[in-house]
Amino acid sequence: MAKKDQIGGAFSDLVGGDKKPKPTKRSQRPVGVALAPEQIAKLDQIAAEIEGSRSDVIRYAIDDLIRRYDSGEIKTVTETRVETVKKLKQDTE
């Protein structure tokens, strides 16, 4: 079985020692989000304009949403709706 330092050395040889991810002060965790092709295209357009990445644009949008929600600008609503449901009639004989 390969040892940790052997694997690390082999990995560094493949990708280069300077390619190792740098730790950040802010702990981040990836979250998958399904987007429509039009949304992805718009994200790419905005990212190109600000010379950033999709991730930068999405993080900004989420931060803005949370700020607006916390300030009361965005409120949740409770809706009541009535639906007609069709059921099969059963003979009870």
N, C-alpha and C. Protein backbone atom coordinates (compact mmCIF):
# COMPACT_ATOMS: atom_id res chain seq x y z
N MET A 1 0.84 -1.17 0.00
CA MET A 1 0.00 0.00 0.00
C MET A 1 0.90 1.24 0.00
N ALA A 2 0.53 2.24 -0.77
CA ALA A 2 1.31 3.47 -0.87
C ALA A 2 1.15 4.30 0.40
N LYS A 3 2.24 4.94 0.78
CA LYS A 3 2.19 5.80 1.96
C LYS A 3 1.80 7.21 1.55
N LYS A 4 1.34 7.98 2.54
CA LYS A 4 0.84 9.33 2.29
C LYS A 4 1.87 10.21 1.58
N ASP A 5 3.14 10.16 2.03
CA ASP A 5 4.16 11.02 1.41
C ASP A 5 4.46 10.58 -0.02
N GLN A 6 4.33 9.29 -0.33
CA GLN A 6 4.54 8.82 -1.69
C GLN A 6 3.42 9.33 -2.61
N ILE A 7 2.20 9.28 -2.11
CA ILE A 7 1.06 9.76 -2.89
C ILE A 7 1.18 11.27 -3.11
N GLY A 8 1.52 11.99 -2.05
CA GLY A 8 1.68 13.43 -2.15
C GLY A 8 2.76 13.81 -3.15
N GLY A 9 3.87 13.10 -3.12
CA GLY A 9 4.95 13.36 -4.06
C GLY A 9 4.55 13.09 -5.49
N ALA A 10 3.86 11.97 -5.71
CA ALA A 10 3.40 11.62 -7.05
C ALA A 10 2.39 12.65 -7.55
N PHE A 11 1.50 13.09 -6.68
CA PHE A 11 0.51 14.10 -7.06
C PHE A 11 1.20 15.41 -7.43
N SER A 12 2.19 15.81 -6.64
CA SER A 12 2.92 17.05 -6.94
C SER A 12 3.64 16.95 -8.28
N ASP A 13 4.17 15.75 -8.59
CA ASP A 13 4.84 15.57 -9.88
C ASP A 13 3.85 15.74 -11.03
N LEU A 14 2.61 15.29 -10.83
CA LEU A 14 1.60 15.38 -11.90
C LEU A 14 1.09 16.80 -12.10
N VAL A 15 0.78 17.49 -11.03
CA VAL A 15 0.15 18.80 -11.15
C VAL A 15 1.07 19.95 -10.77
N GLY A 16 2.23 19.65 -10.27
CA GLY A 16 3.13 20.72 -9.85
C GLY A 16 2.89 21.07 -8.40
N GLY A 17 3.94 21.33 -7.68
CA GLY A 17 3.84 21.62 -6.26
C GLY A 17 3.08 22.89 -5.95
N ASP A 18 3.10 23.87 -6.87
CA ASP A 18 2.44 25.14 -6.61
C ASP A 18 0.94 25.10 -6.89
N LYS A 19 0.41 23.97 -7.34
CA LYS A 19 -1.01 23.85 -7.66
C LYS A 19 -1.86 23.45 -6.46
N LYS A 20 -1.23 23.26 -5.31
CA LYS A 20 -1.96 22.84 -4.13
C LYS A 20 -2.92 23.95 -3.69
N PRO A 21 -4.17 23.61 -3.36
CA PRO A 21 -5.11 24.65 -2.94
C PRO A 21 -4.61 25.38 -1.70
N LYS A 22 -4.78 26.69 -1.72
CA LYS A 22 -4.37 27.50 -0.58
C LYS A 22 -5.54 27.61 0.40
N PRO A 23 -5.27 27.45 1.69
CA PRO A 23 -6.36 27.60 2.67
C PRO A 23 -6.86 29.03 2.71
N THR A 24 -8.14 29.19 2.92
CA THR A 24 -8.73 30.52 3.02
C THR A 24 -9.21 30.76 4.44
N LYS A 25 -9.38 32.03 4.79
CA LYS A 25 -9.88 32.37 6.11
C LYS A 25 -11.33 31.95 6.25
N ARG A 26 -12.09 32.10 5.17
CA ARG A 26 -13.51 31.79 5.19
C ARG A 26 -13.71 30.34 4.77
N SER A 27 -14.39 29.60 5.59
CA SER A 27 -14.65 28.20 5.27
C SER A 27 -15.77 28.14 4.25
N GLN A 28 -15.52 27.54 3.13
CA GLN A 28 -16.52 27.44 2.07
C GLN A 28 -16.74 25.98 1.73
N ARG A 29 -17.98 25.67 1.35
CA ARG A 29 -18.34 24.32 0.98
C ARG A 29 -19.13 24.38 -0.31
N PRO A 30 -18.77 23.58 -1.30
CA PRO A 30 -19.51 23.60 -2.56
C PRO A 30 -20.94 23.10 -2.40
N VAL A 31 -21.85 23.73 -3.12
CA VAL A 31 -23.25 23.34 -3.12
C VAL A 31 -23.70 23.27 -4.57
N GLY A 32 -24.31 22.17 -4.94
CA GLY A 32 -24.78 22.02 -6.31
C GLY A 32 -26.11 22.71 -6.51
N VAL A 33 -26.23 23.46 -7.61
CA VAL A 33 -27.47 24.16 -7.94
C VAL A 33 -27.76 23.91 -9.41
N ALA A 34 -28.96 23.45 -9.71
CA ALA A 34 -29.35 23.23 -11.10
C ALA A 34 -29.81 24.54 -11.70
N LEU A 35 -29.21 24.94 -12.82
CA LEU A 35 -29.56 26.18 -13.49
C LEU A 35 -29.95 25.90 -14.94
N ALA A 36 -30.82 26.75 -15.47
CA ALA A 36 -31.20 26.66 -16.88
C ALA A 36 -30.04 27.17 -17.74
N PRO A 37 -29.95 26.72 -18.97
CA PRO A 37 -28.88 27.20 -19.86
C PRO A 37 -28.83 28.73 -19.98
N GLU A 38 -30.01 29.37 -19.98
CA GLU A 38 -30.05 30.84 -20.09
C GLU A 38 -29.42 31.49 -18.85
N GLN A 39 -29.67 30.88 -17.69
CA GLN A 39 -29.10 31.42 -16.46
C GLN A 39 -27.58 31.28 -16.46
N ILE A 40 -27.09 30.16 -16.93
CA ILE A 40 -25.64 29.94 -17.00
C ILE A 40 -25.01 30.93 -17.96
N ALA A 41 -25.66 31.16 -19.10
CA ALA A 41 -25.14 32.12 -20.08
C ALA A 41 -25.07 33.52 -19.48
N LYS A 42 -26.11 33.92 -18.75
CA LYS A 42 -26.13 35.24 -18.12
C LYS A 42 -25.05 35.33 -17.04
N LEU A 43 -24.88 34.27 -16.26
CA LEU A 43 -23.80 34.25 -15.26
C LEU A 43 -22.45 34.44 -15.92
N ASP A 44 -22.23 33.74 -17.02
CA ASP A 44 -20.96 33.86 -17.74
C ASP A 44 -20.75 35.28 -18.25
N GLN A 45 -21.83 35.90 -18.75
CA GLN A 45 -21.75 37.27 -19.26
C GLN A 45 -21.37 38.24 -18.13
N ILE A 46 -22.04 38.11 -16.99
CA ILE A 46 -21.76 38.99 -15.85
C ILE A 46 -20.34 38.76 -15.34
N ALA A 47 -19.95 37.49 -15.24
CA ALA A 47 -18.60 37.16 -14.76
C ALA A 47 -17.54 37.76 -15.68
N ALA A 48 -17.77 37.71 -16.98
CA ALA A 48 -16.81 38.28 -17.93
C ALA A 48 -16.73 39.80 -17.76
N GLU A 49 -17.87 40.45 -17.54
CA GLU A 49 -17.90 41.90 -17.38
C GLU A 49 -17.15 42.35 -16.13
N ILE A 50 -17.26 41.58 -15.04
CA ILE A 50 -16.57 41.98 -13.81
C ILE A 50 -15.20 41.32 -13.69
N GLU A 51 -14.83 40.58 -14.72
CA GLU A 51 -13.56 39.85 -14.74
C GLU A 51 -13.43 38.95 -13.52
N GLY A 52 -14.50 38.21 -13.26
CA GLY A 52 -14.53 37.27 -12.14
C GLY A 52 -14.99 35.91 -12.62
N SER A 53 -15.44 35.11 -11.69
CA SER A 53 -15.91 33.76 -12.03
C SER A 53 -17.41 33.64 -11.75
N ARG A 54 -18.00 32.57 -12.24
CA ARG A 54 -19.40 32.28 -11.92
C ARG A 54 -19.60 32.22 -10.41
N SER A 55 -18.66 31.59 -9.76
CA SER A 55 -18.74 31.44 -8.31
C SER A 55 -18.77 32.80 -7.61
N ASP A 56 -17.97 33.75 -8.09
CA ASP A 56 -17.98 35.10 -7.52
C ASP A 56 -19.36 35.74 -7.66
N VAL A 57 -19.95 35.59 -8.85
CA VAL A 57 -21.26 36.20 -9.11
C VAL A 57 -22.33 35.55 -8.24
N ILE A 58 -22.31 34.24 -8.13
CA ILE A 58 -23.31 33.53 -7.33
C ILE A 58 -23.16 33.87 -5.85
N ARG A 59 -21.92 33.92 -5.35
CA ARG A 59 -21.72 34.28 -3.94
C ARG A 59 -22.22 35.70 -3.67
N TYR A 60 -21.98 36.63 -4.60
CA TYR A 60 -22.48 37.99 -4.43
C TYR A 60 -24.01 37.99 -4.38
N ALA A 61 -24.64 37.24 -5.29
CA ALA A 61 -26.10 37.20 -5.35
C ALA A 61 -26.68 36.61 -4.06
N ILE A 62 -26.07 35.57 -3.54
CA ILE A 62 -26.54 34.95 -2.30
C ILE A 62 -26.35 35.91 -1.13
N ASP A 63 -25.19 36.56 -1.06
CA ASP A 63 -24.95 37.54 0.01
C ASP A 63 -25.98 38.67 -0.05
N ASP A 64 -26.29 39.13 -1.26
CA ASP A 64 -27.27 40.20 -1.43
C ASP A 64 -28.66 39.74 -1.01
N LEU A 65 -29.04 38.53 -1.39
CA LEU A 65 -30.33 37.97 -1.00
C LEU A 65 -30.45 37.89 0.52
N ILE A 66 -29.43 37.37 1.17
CA ILE A 66 -29.45 37.23 2.63
C ILE A 66 -29.52 38.61 3.29
N ARG A 67 -28.75 39.57 2.80
CA ARG A 67 -28.79 40.93 3.36
C ARG A 67 -30.19 41.53 3.23
N ARG A 68 -30.80 41.38 2.05
CA ARG A 68 -32.14 41.93 1.81
C ARG A 68 -33.18 41.22 2.67
N TYR A 69 -33.06 39.92 2.82
CA TYR A 69 -34.00 39.15 3.65
C TYR A 69 -33.88 39.58 5.12
N ASP A 70 -32.63 39.66 5.60
CA ASP A 70 -32.40 40.04 7.00
C ASP A 70 -32.88 41.46 7.30
N SER A 71 -32.81 42.35 6.31
CA SER A 71 -33.24 43.74 6.53
C SER A 71 -34.75 43.90 6.44
N GLY A 72 -35.46 42.85 6.02
CA GLY A 72 -36.92 42.92 5.90
C GLY A 72 -37.41 43.35 4.53
N GLU A 73 -36.49 43.61 3.62
CA GLU A 73 -36.88 44.00 2.26
C GLU A 73 -37.61 42.86 1.54
N ILE A 74 -37.22 41.66 1.84
CA ILE A 74 -37.88 40.47 1.27
C ILE A 74 -38.58 39.77 2.41
N LYS A 75 -39.86 39.52 2.25
CA LYS A 75 -40.64 38.87 3.31
C LYS A 75 -41.25 37.58 2.79
N THR A 76 -41.42 36.66 3.69
CA THR A 76 -42.11 35.42 3.32
C THR A 76 -43.61 35.66 3.42
N VAL A 77 -44.36 34.94 2.62
CA VAL A 77 -45.81 35.05 2.66
C VAL A 77 -46.40 33.66 2.81
N THR A 78 -47.56 33.62 3.41
CA THR A 78 -48.29 32.37 3.54
C THR A 78 -49.47 32.45 2.59
N GLU A 79 -49.59 31.46 1.74
CA GLU A 79 -50.69 31.44 0.79
C GLU A 79 -51.62 30.29 1.12
N THR A 80 -52.89 30.52 0.91
CA THR A 80 -53.87 29.46 1.05
C THR A 80 -54.46 29.23 -0.33
N ARG A 81 -54.53 27.99 -0.73
CA ARG A 81 -55.13 27.72 -2.02
C ARG A 81 -56.05 26.53 -1.91
N VAL A 82 -57.08 26.54 -2.74
CA VAL A 82 -58.07 25.48 -2.75
C VAL A 82 -57.88 24.70 -4.05
N GLU A 83 -57.82 23.40 -3.92
CA GLU A 83 -57.67 22.56 -5.10
C GLU A 83 -58.81 21.56 -5.14
N THR A 84 -59.30 21.28 -6.34
CA THR A 84 -60.32 20.26 -6.53
C THR A 84 -59.61 18.95 -6.81
N VAL A 85 -59.99 17.92 -6.06
CA VAL A 85 -59.36 16.62 -6.20
C VAL A 85 -60.41 15.63 -6.68
N LYS A 86 -60.09 14.87 -7.72
CA LYS A 86 -61.02 13.85 -8.21
C LYS A 86 -60.59 12.51 -7.65
N LYS A 87 -61.60 11.77 -7.13
CA LYS A 87 -61.34 10.44 -6.58
C LYS A 87 -62.22 9.45 -7.32
N LEU A 88 -61.76 8.22 -7.37
CA LEU A 88 -62.57 7.17 -7.97
C LEU A 88 -63.66 6.77 -7.00
N LYS A 89 -64.87 6.61 -7.53
CA LYS A 89 -65.98 6.21 -6.67
C LYS A 89 -65.93 4.68 -6.52
N GLN A 90 -66.07 4.23 -5.28
CA GLN A 90 -66.05 2.79 -5.01
C GLN A 90 -67.44 2.32 -4.64
N ASP A 91 -67.81 1.15 -5.14
CA ASP A 91 -69.08 0.55 -4.73
C ASP A 91 -68.92 0.02 -3.32
N THR A 92 -69.89 0.32 -2.47
CA THR A 92 -69.82 -0.14 -1.08
C THR A 92 -70.89 -1.18 -0.79
N GLU A 93 -71.29 -1.93 -1.76
CA GLU A 93 -72.34 -2.94 -1.57
C GLU A 93 -71.83 -4.18 -0.94
